[in-house]
């Protein structure tokens, strides 16, 4: 797997604590922030890893605000998926699974 280019904002110690990014002011309420970029030209694969704060009230929907990590995948310039995960480890595992699977063909 190619190397991930991490943003200076990314904190390894917060891989199980997405709320830490909101508490530290690294991601604003109701917003998202990219934390890493992965590119594998041989596969035509680009991915972004980040943290997202979602406030349902912003959209007039009931529910509690929450913070999660996200993974967005692009294959040959086309969007494949955008998923959220409770931990960065789960997002990284999903990236690895996609990059090594036959689904990308």
Protein backbone atom coordinates (compact mmCIF):
# COMPACT_ATOMS: atom_id res chain seq x y z
CA UNK A 1 0.00 0.00 0.00
CA UNK A 2 1.28 3.50 -0.84
CA UNK A 3 2.03 5.99 1.87
CA UNK A 4 -0.65 8.26 3.26
CA UNK A 5 0.25 11.95 3.29
CA UNK A 6 -1.00 13.11 6.67
CA UNK A 7 -2.04 16.68 7.45
CA UNK A 8 -0.21 18.42 10.31
CA UNK A 9 -3.62 18.44 12.07
CA UNK A 10 -3.74 14.62 12.22
CA UNK A 11 -3.06 13.19 15.69
CA UNK A 12 -2.28 9.48 15.99
CA UNK A 13 -3.30 9.60 19.66
CA UNK A 14 -6.85 10.56 18.61
CA UNK A 15 -7.46 7.53 16.33
CA UNK A 16 -10.14 6.27 18.73
CA UNK A 17 -11.44 9.71 19.70
CA UNK A 18 -12.85 11.75 16.79
CA UNK A 19 -14.45 14.19 19.26
CA UNK A 20 -10.93 15.29 20.25
CA UNK A 21 -10.67 17.14 16.92
CA UNK A 22 -13.79 19.17 17.73
CA UNK A 23 -12.67 19.81 21.31
CA UNK A 24 -9.27 21.04 20.05
CA UNK A 25 -10.91 23.28 17.43
CA UNK A 26 -9.31 21.35 14.55
CA UNK A 27 -12.73 20.66 13.02
CA UNK A 28 -15.60 23.08 13.42
CA UNK A 29 -19.13 22.24 14.54
CA UNK A 30 -21.10 20.85 11.59
CA UNK A 31 -18.01 20.65 9.35
CA UNK A 32 -15.44 18.16 8.14
CA UNK A 33 -11.68 18.23 7.76
CA UNK A 34 -9.35 16.12 5.67
CA UNK A 35 -6.61 14.48 7.69
CA UNK A 36 -4.87 12.37 5.07
CA UNK A 37 -4.58 11.70 1.35
CA UNK A 38 -3.71 8.39 -0.28
CA UNK A 39 -2.85 8.08 -3.98
CA UNK A 40 -1.95 4.93 -5.87
CA UNK A 41 -1.49 5.86 -9.52
CA UNK A 42 -1.00 2.23 -10.56
CA UNK A 43 -4.51 1.43 -9.30
CA UNK A 44 -6.05 4.75 -10.33
CA UNK A 45 -7.05 5.10 -6.69
CA UNK A 46 -7.29 8.27 -4.61
CA UNK A 47 -8.67 8.38 -1.08
CA UNK A 48 -9.20 11.01 1.57
CA UNK A 49 -9.35 10.26 5.28
CA UNK A 50 -10.78 12.80 7.66
CA UNK A 51 -13.01 13.70 10.53
CA UNK A 52 -16.60 14.94 10.29
CA UNK A 53 -18.82 16.61 12.83
CA UNK A 54 -22.50 16.23 12.02
CA UNK A 55 -25.19 18.33 13.67
CA UNK A 56 -28.65 17.12 12.57
CA UNK A 57 -30.20 20.40 13.78
CA UNK A 58 -28.32 22.18 11.00
CA UNK A 59 -30.52 20.29 8.53
CA UNK A 60 -33.72 20.49 10.57
CA UNK A 61 -33.49 16.83 11.57
CA UNK A 62 -33.80 15.43 15.08
CA UNK A 63 -30.90 13.63 16.70
CA UNK A 64 -27.73 14.23 18.63
CA UNK A 65 -24.58 15.79 17.14
CA UNK A 66 -21.81 13.28 16.52
CA UNK A 67 -18.24 13.14 15.26
CA UNK A 68 -16.89 10.33 13.09
CA UNK A 69 -13.99 9.60 10.82
CA UNK A 70 -14.62 9.34 7.08
CA UNK A 71 -13.09 7.66 4.06
CA UNK A 72 -13.86 8.85 0.55
CA UNK A 73 -12.66 6.71 -2.35
CA UNK A 74 -12.19 7.70 -5.99
CA UNK A 75 -11.27 5.24 -8.75
CA UNK A 76 -10.13 6.63 -12.09
CA UNK A 77 -11.62 10.00 -11.14
CA UNK A 78 -15.05 8.59 -10.23
CA UNK A 79 -16.47 8.61 -6.74
CA UNK A 80 -16.72 5.08 -5.36
CA UNK A 81 -17.93 5.71 -1.82
CA UNK A 82 -18.01 8.01 1.18
CA UNK A 83 -18.34 6.15 4.47
CA UNK A 84 -18.00 7.06 8.12
CA UNK A 85 -16.34 5.05 10.88
CA UNK A 86 -16.14 5.33 14.67
CA UNK A 87 -12.33 4.91 14.64
CA UNK A 88 -9.53 5.80 12.26
CA UNK A 89 -8.35 2.19 12.45
CA UNK A 90 -11.62 1.04 10.88
CA UNK A 91 -11.33 3.65 8.13
CA UNK A 92 -7.75 2.55 7.40
CA UNK A 93 -8.83 -1.11 7.33
CA UNK A 94 -11.56 -0.26 4.80
CA UNK A 95 -9.03 1.59 2.63
CA UNK A 96 -6.64 -1.36 2.76
CA UNK A 97 -9.43 -3.83 1.96
CA UNK A 98 -10.50 -1.80 -1.07
CA UNK A 99 -6.95 -1.26 -2.34
CA UNK A 100 -6.20 -4.98 -2.19
CA UNK A 101 -9.53 -6.29 -3.46
CA UNK A 102 -10.89 -7.18 -6.87
CA UNK A 103 -13.74 -4.64 -6.39
CA UNK A 104 -11.56 -1.89 -7.81
CA UNK A 105 -11.51 -3.57 -11.27
